[in-house]
Amino acid sequence: MHTRRLGRSPLELSAVMLGGNVFGWTIDESQSFAVLDAFVARGGNCIDTADVYSTWVPGNHGGESETIIGRWMKRRGNRDRVIIATKVGSPMGPDLKGLSAAYIARAAESSLDRLQTDYIDLYQAHRDDPSTPLEDTLAAFGRLIDQGKVRVIGASNYSAERLSQALELSRTHSLPRYESLQPQYNLYDRADYEQDLAPLCVREQVGVIPYYGLASGFLTGKYRSEGDLSQSARGQGIGKKYLNPRGLRILDALGDVARRYQTTSATVALAWLMTRPAITAPIASATRPQQMDDIVAAAAIELDQGALATLDSASAEDRETAAVTGA
């Protein structure tokens, strides 16, 4: 699998990034190991997780995904061959959240322990913390970089305004800069990224590693009716958001393009993301090793203009409105 440089950093990411949100949630440790093995066997080298994965599961306390990844790297002896991205800032418990300097230092040590490593390749602010000055957060990350505990920093779920402010502070105050942005972005969820964030990331050479590249599995095509939603723990949320005329229209377009290329809807959805401005590597999760074939195949497909036009037309967000108003 080919690689792409992340922003202006030295990190070279495989064209697809493996999402670790399912580890310790919808799949156990042995299943997670099998998925991780399948990913690297096909040329993948970058894995995304967060300290908060997966506090929402009854009995979990957070850190489950990091712990599984750490045990896997220890067992395989491959730490120097994989790029590990994790995050800080989401609530881990009372008073365990945010991007203050003290909390970042504390949370980083916990993540390093769980990952069984002495450095994090990409350490990301999981979400903006308006209560902490941006320069304090960047300075805290800078100390971790100076200590050799972090190589590169990134932002997740930042608005264009706040990301722009952070980048300007990095320039004017000699602070480390966010080399990546991790937004929600896929063929269905387009507007928030494309309107303001994409132009900013292109202009500032910020690499983008979008999450929910397959819209929580919806874009695979396996959820087409209410009856399909019981297939996974995420089914109900998928149904409320995506099972509508626009969502079904996107699935039909994906199916059409997939048949042309003799591949799957999941592969086409990820291949489409790879054509978008500033995208370094879309993040996709898997619960079975067999799913890795569809995910990795996206890096080898070049969608032509006809395929891109079909997908863009189907996913246009204003089609229903235009039909009603006659616009």
Protein backbone atom coordinates (compact mmCIF):
# COMPACT_ATOMS: atom_id res chain seq x y z
CA MET A 1 0.00 0.00 0.00
CA HIS A 2 1.35 3.43 -0.88
CA THR A 3 1.97 6.04 1.79
CA ARG A 4 1.25 9.73 2.13
CA ARG A 5 3.05 12.30 4.24
CA LEU A 6 1.00 13.71 7.11
CA GLY A 7 0.97 17.49 6.84
CA ARG A 8 4.51 18.87 7.09
CA SER A 9 5.54 16.15 9.53
CA PRO A 10 7.97 13.28 8.89
CA LEU A 11 5.20 10.71 9.36
CA GLU A 12 4.41 8.61 6.28
CA LEU A 13 0.98 7.02 6.69
CA SER A 14 -0.41 4.15 4.67
CA ALA A 15 -3.28 5.27 2.45
CA VAL A 16 -5.80 3.83 4.93
CA MET A 17 -5.68 4.16 8.71
CA LEU A 18 -7.15 1.46 10.96
CA GLY A 19 -9.64 2.71 13.55
CA GLY A 20 -9.21 1.25 17.02
CA ASN A 21 -12.56 2.35 18.45
CA VAL A 22 -13.99 -1.19 18.19
CA PHE A 23 -11.18 -2.82 20.21
CA GLY A 24 -12.55 -3.73 23.61
CA TRP A 25 -16.03 -2.71 22.52
CA THR A 26 -17.56 -4.76 19.71
CA ILE A 27 -14.61 -7.17 19.47
CA ASP A 28 -12.47 -8.70 22.20
CA GLU A 29 -8.70 -8.89 22.44
CA SER A 30 -8.18 -12.01 20.34
CA GLN A 31 -10.45 -10.68 17.58
CA SER A 32 -8.67 -7.33 17.74
CA PHE A 33 -5.30 -9.04 17.33
CA ALA A 34 -6.61 -10.84 14.23
CA VAL A 35 -7.83 -7.55 12.69
CA LEU A 36 -4.55 -5.79 13.49
CA ASP A 37 -2.53 -8.66 12.00
CA ALA A 38 -4.63 -8.60 8.84
CA PHE A 39 -4.15 -4.85 8.47
CA VAL A 40 -0.35 -4.87 8.68
CA ALA A 41 -0.13 -8.00 6.53
CA ARG A 42 -1.77 -5.99 3.74
CA GLY A 43 0.63 -3.08 4.06
CA GLY A 44 -1.15 -0.90 6.62
CA ASN A 45 1.07 0.92 9.09
CA CYS A 46 -1.06 3.42 11.05
CA ILE A 47 -3.58 2.80 13.83
CA ASP A 48 -5.82 5.39 15.46
CA THR A 49 -7.19 5.13 18.99
CA ALA A 50 -7.99 7.32 22.01
CA ASP A 51 -7.72 7.07 25.77
CA VAL A 52 -11.50 7.35 26.07
CA TYR A 53 -12.14 4.17 24.01
CA SER A 54 -14.35 2.68 25.31
CA THR A 55 -15.80 4.27 28.44
CA TRP A 56 -19.35 3.89 27.11
CA VAL A 57 -19.31 0.09 27.48
CA PRO A 58 -20.71 -1.16 30.80
CA GLY A 59 -17.82 -2.28 32.98
CA ASN A 60 -15.19 -0.39 31.00
CA HIS A 61 -13.24 2.56 32.38
CA GLY A 62 -11.45 3.84 29.27
CA GLY A 63 -8.11 2.81 27.86
CA GLU A 64 -9.32 -0.60 26.71
CA SER A 65 -8.39 0.02 23.08
CA GLU A 66 -4.95 1.39 23.94
CA THR A 67 -4.32 -1.58 26.22
CA ILE A 68 -5.17 -4.08 23.48
CA ILE A 69 -2.96 -2.28 20.96
CA GLY A 70 -0.11 -2.17 23.49
CA ARG A 71 -0.35 -5.90 24.17
CA TRP A 72 -0.48 -6.60 20.43
CA MET A 73 2.66 -4.55 19.74
CA LYS A 74 4.44 -6.22 22.65
CA ARG A 75 3.45 -9.68 21.42
CA ARG A 76 4.42 -8.97 17.81
CA GLY A 77 7.54 -6.93 18.59
CA ASN A 78 6.61 -4.44 15.90
CA ARG A 79 6.50 -1.07 17.67
CA ASP A 80 9.03 0.49 15.30
CA ARG A 81 7.02 -0.60 12.23
CA VAL A 82 3.65 0.94 13.12
CA ILE A 83 2.47 4.51 13.60
CA ILE A 84 0.30 4.91 16.68
CA ALA A 85 -2.10 7.83 16.97
CA THR A 86 -4.04 8.40 20.16
CA LYS A 87 -5.99 11.27 21.70
CA VAL A 88 -6.47 13.20 24.92
CA GLY A 89 -9.21 15.44 26.24
CA SER A 90 -12.48 13.52 26.19
CA PRO A 91 -13.99 12.76 29.63
CA MET A 92 -12.39 9.76 31.34
CA GLY A 93 -14.11 10.46 34.65
CA PRO A 94 -14.71 13.30 37.11
CA ASP A 95 -12.01 15.95 36.63
CA LEU A 96 -10.31 13.74 34.02
CA LYS A 97 -10.87 15.70 30.83
CA GLY A 98 -9.85 18.77 28.88
CA LEU A 99 -6.60 20.15 27.50
CA SER A 100 -4.96 21.85 30.46
CA ALA A 101 -1.20 21.44 30.71
CA ALA A 102 -1.41 19.40 33.90
CA TYR A 103 -4.02 17.03 32.52
CA ILE A 104 -2.23 16.51 29.19
CA ALA A 105 0.97 15.54 31.03
CA ARG A 106 -0.92 13.13 33.26
CA ALA A 107 -3.00 11.60 30.47
CA ALA A 108 0.03 11.13 28.22
CA GLU A 109 1.78 9.04 30.88
CA SER A 110 -1.32 6.86 31.24
CA SER A 111 -1.56 6.33 27.48
CA LEU A 112 2.14 5.48 27.26
CA ASP A 113 1.71 2.90 30.02
CA ARG A 114 -1.29 1.28 28.35
CA LEU A 115 0.40 1.26 24.95
CA GLN A 116 3.58 -0.17 26.50
CA THR A 117 5.72 2.30 24.60
CA ASP A 118 7.92 5.28 25.40
CA TYR A 119 6.59 7.51 22.61
CA ILE A 120 3.37 8.34 20.76
CA ASP A 121 3.73 9.04 17.05
CA LEU A 122 0.68 11.31 16.74
CA TYR A 123 -0.88 12.78 19.88
CA GLN A 124 -4.18 14.53 19.19
CA ALA A 125 -6.40 16.92 21.08
CA HIS A 126 -9.63 14.91 20.94
CA ARG A 127 -11.88 17.93 20.99
CA ASP A 128 -11.49 21.63 21.59
CA ASP A 129 -11.35 22.86 25.18
CA PRO A 130 -12.54 26.49 25.23
CA SER A 131 -11.74 26.76 28.95
CA THR A 132 -7.99 26.36 28.30
CA PRO A 133 -6.03 28.92 26.25
CA LEU A 134 -4.82 27.40 23.00
CA GLU A 135 -1.25 28.48 23.70
CA ASP A 136 -1.26 26.58 27.03
CA THR A 137 -2.35 23.41 25.27
CA LEU A 138 0.24 23.80 22.50
CA ALA A 139 2.98 24.51 25.05
CA ALA A 140 2.04 21.37 26.98
CA PHE A 141 2.29 19.33 23.79
CA GLY A 142 5.62 21.01 23.11
CA ARG A 143 7.02 19.81 26.42
CA LEU A 144 6.05 16.24 25.54
CA ILE A 145 7.80 16.62 22.17
CA ASP A 146 10.92 18.00 23.88
CA GLN A 147 10.88 15.01 26.24
CA GLY A 148 10.75 12.58 23.32
CA LYS A 149 7.35 11.25 24.39
CA VAL A 150 5.45 12.59 21.37
CA ARG A 151 6.61 12.99 17.77
CA VAL A 152 3.79 14.97 16.13
CA ILE A 153 0.56 16.59 17.34
CA GLY A 154 -2.86 16.88 15.75
CA ALA A 155 -6.35 18.18 16.40
CA SER A 156 -9.65 16.35 16.27
CA ASN A 157 -13.14 17.86 16.03
CA TYR A 158 -11.84 21.45 15.84
CA SER A 159 -13.76 24.16 14.03
CA ALA A 160 -12.02 26.00 11.21
CA GLU A 161 -11.89 29.15 13.35
CA ARG A 162 -10.19 27.45 16.28
CA LEU A 163 -7.80 25.44 14.13
CA SER A 164 -6.82 28.61 12.31
CA GLN A 165 -6.19 30.37 15.63
CA ALA A 166 -4.04 27.48 16.84
CA LEU A 167 -1.96 27.47 13.66
CA GLU A 168 -1.40 31.23 13.94
CA LEU A 169 -0.27 30.87 17.56
CA SER A 170 2.19 28.18 16.52
CA ARG A 171 3.65 30.57 13.96
CA THR A 172 3.88 33.63 16.17
CA HIS A 173 4.88 31.96 19.46
CA SER A 174 7.28 29.28 18.20
CA LEU A 175 4.99 26.51 19.42
CA PRO A 176 4.51 23.09 17.81
CA ARG A 177 1.76 23.09 15.24
CA TYR A 178 -1.11 20.75 14.60
CA GLU A 179 0.04 18.70 11.61
CA SER A 180 -3.26 16.88 11.27
CA LEU A 181 -6.98 17.30 11.64
CA GLN A 182 -9.35 14.45 12.39
CA PRO A 183 -12.90 15.49 11.43
CA GLN A 184 -16.00 13.43 10.80
CA TYR A 185 -16.15 13.16 7.02
CA ASN A 186 -17.56 10.67 4.57
CA LEU A 187 -19.78 10.53 1.50
CA TYR A 188 -22.85 11.30 3.64
CA ASP A 189 -21.34 13.73 6.19
CA ARG A 190 -19.79 16.33 3.90
CA ALA A 191 -20.81 19.92 4.61
CA ASP A 192 -19.01 20.60 7.90
CA TYR A 193 -15.62 19.63 6.49
CA GLU A 194 -15.94 20.87 2.94
CA GLN A 195 -17.25 24.37 3.67
CA ASP A 196 -14.49 25.81 5.86
CA LEU A 197 -12.08 23.13 7.04
CA ALA A 198 -10.97 21.77 3.66
CA PRO A 199 -9.81 25.14 2.28
CA LEU A 200 -7.95 25.84 5.53
CA CYS A 201 -6.21 22.46 5.58
CA VAL A 202 -5.18 22.77 1.93
CA ARG A 203 -3.83 26.28 2.47
CA GLU A 204 -1.95 25.39 5.68
CA GLN A 205 -0.77 21.94 4.54
CA VAL A 206 -2.53 20.18 7.39
CA GLY A 207 -3.04 16.47 6.77
CA VAL A 208 -6.58 15.16 7.25
CA ILE A 209 -7.41 11.73 8.68
CA PRO A 210 -11.22 11.64 8.72
CA TYR A 211 -13.07 9.31 11.05
CA TYR A 212 -16.27 7.40 10.30
CA GLY A 213 -15.05 7.02 6.71
CA LEU A 214 -17.74 4.38 6.24
CA ALA A 215 -20.37 6.25 8.30
CA SER A 216 -20.28 3.68 11.10
CA GLY A 217 -20.69 0.91 8.53
CA PHE A 218 -23.69 2.39 6.73
CA LEU A 219 -21.75 2.97 3.50
CA THR A 220 -20.91 -0.73 3.27
CA GLY A 221 -24.51 -1.20 2.19
CA LYS A 222 -25.45 -3.68 4.89
CA TYR A 223 -28.04 -1.39 6.46
CA ARG A 224 -30.92 -0.77 4.05
CA SER A 225 -33.95 -1.25 6.26
CA GLU A 226 -35.03 -1.08 9.89
CA GLY A 227 -34.67 -4.83 10.05
CA ASP A 228 -30.96 -4.60 9.24
CA LEU A 229 -30.16 -2.39 12.22
CA SER A 230 -29.97 -5.26 14.70
CA GLN A 231 -26.79 -6.50 12.98
CA SER A 232 -24.50 -4.42 15.19
CA ALA A 233 -24.28 -2.45 18.42
CA ARG A 234 -24.23 0.76 16.37
CA GLY A 235 -27.37 -0.08 14.40
CA GLN A 236 -29.87 2.17 16.12
CA GLY A 237 -27.73 5.27 15.77
CA ILE A 238 -27.14 4.43 12.11
CA GLY A 239 -30.86 4.11 11.48
CA LYS A 240 -31.76 7.45 13.00
CA LYS A 241 -29.16 9.34 11.02
CA TYR A 242 -28.69 7.62 7.68
CA LEU A 243 -31.79 5.62 6.77
CA ASN A 244 -33.51 8.29 4.71
CA PRO A 245 -33.96 9.04 0.98
CA ARG A 246 -30.57 10.70 0.67
CA GLY A 247 -28.79 7.86 2.47
CA LEU A 248 -30.45 5.22 0.30
CA ARG A 249 -29.64 7.24 -2.82
CA ILE A 250 -25.97 7.24 -1.82
CA LEU A 251 -26.05 3.48 -1.30
CA ASP A 252 -27.54 2.99 -4.77
CA ALA A 253 -24.80 5.15 -6.31
CA LEU A 254 -22.10 3.28 -4.42
CA GLY A 255 -23.55 0.01 -5.64
CA ASP A 256 -23.57 1.21 -9.23
CA VAL A 257 -19.95 2.35 -9.10
CA ALA A 258 -18.87 -0.78 -7.25
CA ARG A 259 -20.33 -2.97 -9.99
CA ARG A 260 -18.44 -0.98 -12.62
CA TYR A 261 -15.16 -1.52 -10.79
CA GLN A 262 -16.01 -5.08 -9.72
CA THR A 263 -15.49 -4.23 -6.09
CA THR A 264 -17.57 -3.38 -3.00
CA SER A 265 -19.42 -0.29 -1.79
CA ALA A 266 -17.03 0.02 1.16
CA THR A 267 -14.03 0.09 -1.15
CA VAL A 268 -15.61 2.76 -3.35
CA ALA A 269 -16.61 4.92 -0.37
CA LEU A 270 -13.03 4.96 0.92
CA ALA A 271 -11.57 5.45 -2.56
CA TRP A 272 -13.81 8.51 -2.95
CA LEU A 273 -12.46 9.95 0.30
CA MET A 274 -8.90 9.54 -0.95
CA THR A 275 -9.68 11.89 -3.84
CA ARG A 276 -10.81 14.73 -1.59
CA PRO A 277 -8.73 17.83 -0.78
CA ALA A 278 -6.04 17.45 1.92
CA ILE A 279 -6.99 13.86 2.80
CA THR A 280 -3.98 11.86 3.94
CA ALA A 281 -5.68 8.64 5.02
CA PRO A 282 -9.31 7.89 5.87
CA ILE A 283 -9.89 5.95 9.06
CA ALA A 284 -11.90 2.74 8.81
CA SER A 285 -12.68 0.16 11.47
CA ALA A 286 -13.12 -3.57 11.03
CA THR A 287 -14.48 -6.32 13.24
CA ARG A 288 -13.30 -9.24 11.10
CA PRO A 289 -10.00 -9.83 9.27
CA GLN A 290 -11.92 -10.56 6.06
CA GLN A 291 -13.17 -6.96 5.97
CA MET A 292 -9.61 -5.79 5.51
CA ASP A 293 -9.63 -6.80 1.85
CA ASP A 294 -12.33 -4.24 1.05
CA ILE A 295 -10.65 -1.54 3.13
CA VAL A 296 -7.16 -1.95 1.72
CA ALA A 297 -8.42 -2.35 -1.86
CA ALA A 298 -9.50 1.30 -1.81
CA ALA A 299 -5.87 2.37 -2.08
CA ALA A 300 -5.53 0.62 -5.44
CA ILE A 301 -8.60 2.07 -7.15
CA GLU A 302 -8.60 5.29 -9.14
CA LEU A 303 -12.15 6.52 -9.61
CA ASP A 304 -12.73 8.21 -12.97
CA GLN A 305 -14.65 11.44 -13.45
CA GLY A 306 -17.86 9.59 -14.27
CA ALA A 307 -17.75 7.66 -11.02
CA LEU A 308 -16.97 10.79 -9.03
CA ALA A 309 -19.84 12.68 -10.68
CA THR A 310 -22.25 9.84 -9.85
CA LEU A 311 -21.23 9.87 -6.20
CA ASP A 312 -21.23 13.65 -5.90
CA SER A 313 -24.69 13.93 -7.43
CA ALA A 314 -26.17 11.24 -5.18
CA SER A 315 -24.69 12.77 -2.03
CA ALA A 316 -25.64 16.38 -2.77
CA GLU A 317 -27.37 17.69 0.35
CA ASP A 318 -29.64 20.18 -1.39
CA ARG A 319 -31.38 17.90 -3.85
CA GLU A 320 -34.59 17.50 -1.86
CA THR A 321 -34.73 21.23 -1.15
CA ALA A 322 -34.17 22.09 -4.80
CA ALA A 323 -36.95 19.73 -5.85
CA VAL A 324 -39.41 21.39 -3.48
CA THR A 325 -38.51 25.00 -4.32
CA GLY A 326 -37.92 24.47 -8.01
CA ALA A 327 -34.41 25.86 -7.67
